Amino acid sequence: MRFGRFAGAAVILAALLAAPFSQAAAADPGSPANLRKLTKQAAELSKLYRGQIEALEDTRLQAKKAMENSERLRSQLATARADVGDIARTSYMTGPFGSVQLFGISDPTSVLAEATRLQYIANERTNRIKRIQTLVKRADDAKKASADKIKELERKIKEMRDKRDDVQKLLRKYGFQTPTGGAGLTARMVTVKMAAQQNFPFPYGIGCLRPGDPGEHGKGRACDFMISRGMASGAEAAQGDALADYLIKNGARLGVMYIIWKQRYYDVRTGGGWDPMSDRGGVTANHWDHVHVSVF
């Protein structure tokens, strides 16, 4: 009876393992193909609106991470399928406790040792099945999370498309500038940089032009105002807050497009207001040591 229940559980697990990811990728809104399509659309919008749209980029990165996690668990499930098959085959041959292997052993010490070994094997099988059951649940959750993030990206792309008229008005208001002078910055970026320097000290420097950078740094339309050598705190964090506040209050006059500071972004094209940014892997990547400014 125990053997029947154990073998039956293995069969049920095999069916569970086959269930996740069963839909065809082409019909799956959470598929890698759909993420690639939306990534292309987000890039086209950023180009049309003259700069990276943090609302889209942040959601794209979250969707990418969720997709990678889902794919990793999917790979683990493929291995788990083989594991379940091994459990089922072993159980069929030996039974859950392998009691047949104890037959003919007359020495009590040997019987006890063999029984202990077989009990360990049986416990290990049970634990493996439990781990696989947990993996099935995690894989299913990861797939749903990935699909949700991709839907969110799709929704935000639609929102930005709907704002096209408003954004185009902003672009017409500020016009289009190309870099001038030896610094390789646009006149607007030079003005913002000088205004910031007149109002705030920057003992750790200011980084602007990055030749070859595909974003605003490469186009002479962005600067990083270094606030600290590490995670800003105390007076340094207060200075960063003050600089960000100054750029927001004077943004319409100076032509500020968006600001990133303390793992948040403020984008005029999306309506302004601070929005949280997902973890990008470090103090600098998350903008805890500098204020990034991009101009129209």
Protein backbone atom coordinates (compact mmCIF):
# COMPACT_ATOMS: atom_id res chain seq x y z
CA MET A 1 0.00 0.00 0.00
CA ARG A 2 2.85 2.38 0.91
CA PHE A 3 4.55 1.62 -2.37
CA GLY A 4 1.38 2.36 -4.30
CA ARG A 5 0.98 5.70 -2.62
CA PHE A 6 4.64 6.57 -3.21
CA ALA A 7 4.57 5.60 -6.88
CA GLY A 8 1.29 7.44 -7.32
CA ALA A 9 2.83 10.58 -5.84
CA ALA A 10 5.68 10.38 -8.33
CA VAL A 11 3.21 10.11 -11.20
CA ILE A 12 1.29 13.14 -9.91
CA LEU A 13 4.54 15.09 -9.61
CA ALA A 14 5.46 14.22 -13.17
CA ALA A 15 2.14 15.66 -14.32
CA LEU A 16 2.67 18.79 -12.25
CA LEU A 17 6.10 19.29 -13.76
CA ALA A 18 4.67 19.14 -17.24
CA ALA A 19 2.01 21.77 -16.52
CA PRO A 20 4.01 25.03 -16.23
CA PHE A 21 5.07 26.71 -19.46
CA SER A 22 2.78 24.45 -21.49
CA GLN A 23 1.34 27.23 -23.66
CA ALA A 24 2.95 28.01 -26.99
CA ALA A 25 5.39 30.91 -26.76
CA ALA A 26 3.80 32.69 -29.71
CA ALA A 27 0.46 32.90 -27.90
CA ASP A 28 1.96 33.79 -24.53
CA PRO A 29 1.87 37.54 -23.70
CA GLY A 30 4.65 36.88 -21.17
CA SER A 31 6.97 35.26 -23.69
CA PRO A 32 10.55 36.41 -24.42
CA ALA A 33 9.40 37.29 -27.96
CA ASN A 34 6.81 39.71 -26.59
CA LEU A 35 9.38 41.28 -24.26
CA ARG A 36 11.73 41.80 -27.22
CA LYS A 37 8.92 43.44 -29.18
CA LEU A 38 8.06 45.79 -26.31
CA THR A 39 11.74 46.60 -25.72
CA LYS A 40 11.97 47.72 -29.35
CA GLN A 41 8.83 49.84 -28.97
CA ALA A 42 10.22 51.47 -25.80
CA ALA A 43 13.49 52.27 -27.61
CA GLU A 44 11.56 53.83 -30.50
CA LEU A 45 9.57 56.01 -28.08
CA SER A 46 12.74 57.12 -26.28
CA LYS A 47 14.23 58.11 -29.63
CA LEU A 48 11.06 59.95 -30.63
CA TYR A 49 10.95 61.79 -27.29
CA ARG A 50 14.68 62.62 -27.45
CA GLY A 51 15.91 60.70 -24.47
CA GLN A 52 15.58 57.65 -22.29
CA ILE A 53 12.18 57.43 -20.64
CA GLU A 54 12.93 56.19 -17.14
CA ALA A 55 9.37 54.97 -16.58
CA LEU A 56 9.80 52.60 -19.51
CA GLU A 57 13.43 51.70 -18.87
CA ASP A 58 12.81 50.86 -15.24
CA THR A 59 9.81 48.65 -16.05
CA ARG A 60 11.74 47.02 -18.90
CA LEU A 61 14.59 46.12 -16.54
CA GLN A 62 12.14 44.68 -14.00
CA ALA A 63 10.46 42.65 -16.74
CA LYS A 64 13.86 41.42 -17.96
CA LYS A 65 14.86 40.30 -14.45
CA ALA A 66 11.52 38.56 -13.94
CA MET A 67 11.89 36.82 -17.31
CA GLU A 68 15.42 35.67 -16.47
CA ASN A 69 14.23 34.29 -13.14
CA SER A 70 11.37 32.47 -14.87
CA GLU A 71 13.73 30.98 -17.47
CA ARG A 72 16.17 29.87 -14.75
CA LEU A 73 13.42 28.06 -12.87
CA ARG A 74 12.19 26.57 -16.12
CA SER A 75 15.65 25.07 -16.64
CA GLN A 76 15.61 23.67 -13.11
CA LEU A 77 12.23 22.09 -13.80
CA ALA A 78 13.65 20.28 -16.82
CA THR A 79 16.22 18.70 -14.50
CA ALA A 80 13.49 17.97 -11.94
CA ARG A 81 11.49 15.99 -14.51
CA ALA A 82 14.40 13.61 -14.86
CA ASP A 83 14.71 13.50 -11.06
CA VAL A 84 11.08 12.44 -10.69
CA GLY A 85 11.56 9.73 -13.28
CA ASP A 86 14.55 8.42 -11.34
CA ILE A 87 12.53 8.35 -8.10
CA ALA A 88 9.69 6.48 -9.77
CA ARG A 89 12.00 3.91 -11.35
CA THR A 90 13.88 3.30 -8.10
CA SER A 91 10.65 2.96 -6.15
CA TYR A 92 9.30 0.45 -8.64
CA MET A 93 12.38 -1.75 -8.25
CA THR A 94 12.99 -1.47 -4.51
CA GLY A 95 9.78 -0.19 -2.92
CA PRO A 96 9.74 2.83 -0.67
CA PHE A 97 11.94 1.27 2.01
CA GLY A 98 13.72 -1.39 -0.07
CA SER A 99 12.66 -3.98 2.49
CA VAL A 100 13.29 -6.82 0.06
CA GLN A 101 17.00 -6.06 0.44
CA LEU A 102 16.83 -7.03 4.12
CA PHE A 103 15.72 -10.57 3.30
CA GLY A 104 18.43 -13.15 4.04
CA ILE A 105 20.52 -10.94 6.34
CA SER A 106 20.91 -12.89 9.58
CA ASP A 107 23.31 -10.69 11.54
CA PRO A 108 21.24 -8.28 13.71
CA THR A 109 23.89 -5.55 13.48
CA SER A 110 23.94 -5.78 9.70
CA VAL A 111 20.13 -5.74 9.57
CA LEU A 112 20.05 -2.60 11.71
CA ALA A 113 22.73 -0.89 9.60
CA GLU A 114 20.97 -1.79 6.35
CA ALA A 115 17.59 -0.70 7.72
CA THR A 116 19.10 2.63 8.77
CA ARG A 117 20.62 3.11 5.32
CA LEU A 118 17.34 2.31 3.58
CA GLN A 119 15.41 4.61 5.89
CA TYR A 120 17.86 7.38 5.01
CA ILE A 121 17.28 6.72 1.30
CA ALA A 122 13.52 6.78 1.82
CA ASN A 123 13.74 10.08 3.72
CA GLU A 124 15.95 11.54 1.04
CA ARG A 125 13.39 10.56 -1.63
CA THR A 126 10.66 12.27 0.35
CA ASN A 127 12.75 15.42 0.72
CA ARG A 128 13.54 15.44 -2.98
CA ILE A 129 9.85 15.25 -3.81
CA LYS A 130 9.10 18.12 -1.42
CA ARG A 131 11.84 20.22 -3.02
CA ILE A 132 10.40 19.51 -6.44
CA GLN A 133 6.91 20.47 -5.27
CA THR A 134 8.33 23.76 -3.98
CA LEU A 135 10.12 24.29 -7.28
CA VAL A 136 6.90 23.75 -9.22
CA LYS A 137 5.21 26.45 -7.13
CA ARG A 138 8.13 28.87 -7.49
CA ALA A 139 8.27 28.33 -11.25
CA ASP A 140 4.56 28.97 -11.61
CA ASP A 141 4.80 32.15 -9.48
CA ALA A 142 7.82 33.35 -11.46
CA LYS A 143 6.03 32.88 -14.77
CA LYS A 144 3.05 34.88 -13.51
CA ALA A 145 5.33 37.63 -12.16
CA SER A 146 7.13 37.82 -15.50
CA ALA A 147 3.84 38.07 -17.40
CA ASP A 148 2.61 40.80 -15.02
CA LYS A 149 5.75 42.88 -15.52
CA ILE A 150 5.50 42.55 -19.30
CA LYS A 151 1.85 43.65 -19.14
CA GLU A 152 2.93 46.63 -17.04
CA LEU A 153 5.53 47.56 -19.66
CA GLU A 154 2.88 47.27 -22.37
CA ARG A 155 0.57 49.55 -20.36
CA LYS A 156 3.27 52.18 -19.81
CA ILE A 157 4.19 52.18 -23.50
CA LYS A 158 0.54 52.89 -24.28
CA GLU A 159 0.49 55.70 -21.70
CA MET A 160 3.53 57.33 -23.29
CA ARG A 161 2.04 57.00 -26.75
CA ASP A 162 -1.11 58.69 -25.48
CA LYS A 163 1.06 61.57 -24.20
CA ARG A 164 2.58 62.07 -27.62
CA ASP A 165 0.89 65.44 -28.28
CA ASP A 166 1.96 66.83 -24.88
CA VAL A 167 5.53 65.63 -25.30
CA GLN A 168 5.75 67.03 -28.82
CA LYS A 169 4.64 70.42 -27.47
CA LEU A 170 7.51 70.29 -24.97
CA LEU A 171 9.98 69.36 -27.68
CA ARG A 172 8.80 72.22 -29.88
CA LYS A 173 9.01 74.62 -26.93
CA TYR A 174 12.66 73.83 -26.27
CA GLY A 175 13.71 73.15 -29.83
CA PHE A 176 16.57 70.89 -30.83
CA GLN A 177 20.15 71.60 -29.85
CA THR A 178 23.40 69.99 -30.88
CA PRO A 179 26.69 70.20 -28.97
CA THR A 180 28.77 73.32 -29.44
CA GLY A 181 32.24 74.25 -28.23
CA GLY A 182 35.12 72.13 -27.00
CA ALA A 183 33.24 70.56 -24.06
CA GLY A 184 30.91 68.74 -26.42
CA LEU A 185 27.79 69.90 -24.53
CA THR A 186 24.69 71.64 -25.84
CA ALA A 187 24.20 75.29 -24.89
CA ARG A 188 21.31 74.28 -22.64
CA MET A 189 23.40 71.72 -20.76
CA VAL A 190 26.17 74.28 -20.33
CA THR A 191 23.63 76.71 -18.85
CA VAL A 192 22.29 74.10 -16.40
CA LYS A 193 25.83 73.10 -15.38
CA MET A 194 26.86 76.72 -14.76
CA ALA A 195 23.68 77.46 -12.79
CA ALA A 196 24.30 74.42 -10.57
CA GLN A 197 27.93 75.41 -9.99
CA GLN A 198 26.94 78.95 -9.04
CA ASN A 199 24.58 77.66 -6.36
CA PHE A 200 26.30 74.51 -5.05
CA PRO A 201 29.86 73.28 -4.40
CA PHE A 202 30.95 70.06 -6.09
CA PRO A 203 34.21 68.91 -4.47
CA TYR A 204 33.85 65.46 -6.08
CA GLY A 205 33.47 66.78 -9.61
CA ILE A 206 30.93 66.79 -12.43
CA GLY A 207 30.86 64.21 -15.23
CA CYS A 208 29.12 65.12 -18.47
CA LEU A 209 30.21 64.08 -21.95
CA ARG A 210 30.84 60.36 -22.57
CA PRO A 211 31.85 59.81 -26.20
CA GLY A 212 30.17 56.71 -27.61
CA ASP A 213 27.47 56.58 -24.91
CA PRO A 214 24.10 55.83 -26.61
CA GLY A 215 22.19 57.98 -24.11
CA GLU A 216 22.13 61.70 -23.34
CA HIS A 217 25.70 61.64 -22.01
CA GLY A 218 26.89 60.77 -25.49
CA LYS A 219 24.81 63.57 -27.02
CA GLY A 220 26.09 66.26 -24.66
CA ARG A 221 22.70 66.59 -22.95
CA ALA A 222 23.40 65.10 -19.51
CA CYS A 223 25.63 65.64 -16.48
CA ASP A 224 26.28 63.74 -13.26
CA PHE A 225 26.78 66.04 -10.28
CA MET A 226 28.82 64.03 -7.78
CA ILE A 227 27.57 64.50 -4.24
CA SER A 228 29.61 61.90 -2.36
CA ARG A 229 32.31 59.24 -2.74
CA GLY A 230 29.83 56.63 -1.54
CA MET A 231 26.28 56.42 -0.22
CA ALA A 232 25.36 60.04 0.44
CA SER A 233 24.19 60.81 3.97
CA GLY A 234 23.96 63.75 6.33
CA ALA A 235 25.04 67.07 4.82
CA GLU A 236 25.92 65.46 1.47
CA ALA A 237 22.47 63.91 1.10
CA ALA A 238 20.93 67.25 2.06
CA GLN A 239 22.96 68.96 -0.68
CA GLY A 240 21.75 66.40 -3.21
CA ASP A 241 18.16 67.02 -2.12
CA ALA A 242 18.67 70.77 -2.43
CA LEU A 243 20.19 70.45 -5.91
CA ALA A 244 17.36 68.22 -7.11
CA ASP A 245 14.81 70.66 -5.67
CA TYR A 246 16.54 73.60 -7.37
CA LEU A 247 16.53 71.80 -10.74
CA ILE A 248 12.84 70.94 -10.42
CA LYS A 249 11.81 74.49 -9.44
CA ASN A 250 13.89 76.01 -12.24
CA GLY A 251 13.42 73.16 -14.69
CA ALA A 252 10.95 74.91 -16.99
CA ARG A 253 13.31 77.89 -17.35
CA LEU A 254 16.45 75.77 -17.74
CA GLY A 255 14.97 73.08 -19.97
CA VAL A 256 15.45 70.13 -17.60
CA MET A 257 13.98 66.91 -19.04
CA TYR A 258 14.52 64.47 -16.17
CA ILE A 259 16.46 64.01 -12.93
CA ILE A 260 17.61 60.83 -11.17
CA TRP A 261 18.60 60.92 -7.49
CA LYS A 262 18.47 58.42 -4.60
CA GLN A 263 16.96 55.59 -6.65
CA ARG A 264 14.11 57.81 -7.88
CA TYR A 265 13.44 59.65 -11.11
CA TYR A 266 11.57 62.85 -11.94
CA ASP A 267 10.60 63.06 -15.62
CA VAL A 268 8.82 66.12 -17.03
CA ARG A 269 7.57 64.11 -20.03
CA THR A 270 5.65 61.70 -17.80
CA GLY A 271 4.06 64.47 -15.76
CA GLY A 272 6.72 65.08 -13.12
CA GLY A 273 6.70 63.84 -9.55
CA TRP A 274 9.19 61.43 -8.02
CA ASP A 275 8.81 57.77 -8.97
CA PRO A 276 10.77 54.90 -7.38
CA MET A 277 13.45 53.18 -9.44
CA SER A 278 14.18 49.48 -9.07
CA ASP A 279 17.54 48.26 -7.78
CA ARG A 280 20.14 48.45 -10.53
CA GLY A 281 22.94 46.86 -8.58
CA GLY A 282 24.98 49.44 -6.68
CA VAL A 283 25.34 52.87 -5.09
CA THR A 284 26.31 54.62 -8.32
CA ALA A 285 23.92 52.69 -10.57
CA ASN A 286 21.11 53.56 -8.16
CA HIS A 287 22.21 57.22 -8.06
CA TRP A 288 22.88 57.47 -4.34
CA ASP A 289 26.18 59.32 -4.84
CA HIS A 290 25.25 61.71 -7.65
CA VAL A 291 22.39 63.64 -9.18
CA HIS A 292 21.86 62.91 -12.86
CA VAL A 293 20.31 65.62 -15.03
CA SER A 294 19.23 65.36 -18.66
CA VAL A 295 18.01 68.35 -20.67
CA PHE A 296 15.80 68.67 -23.74
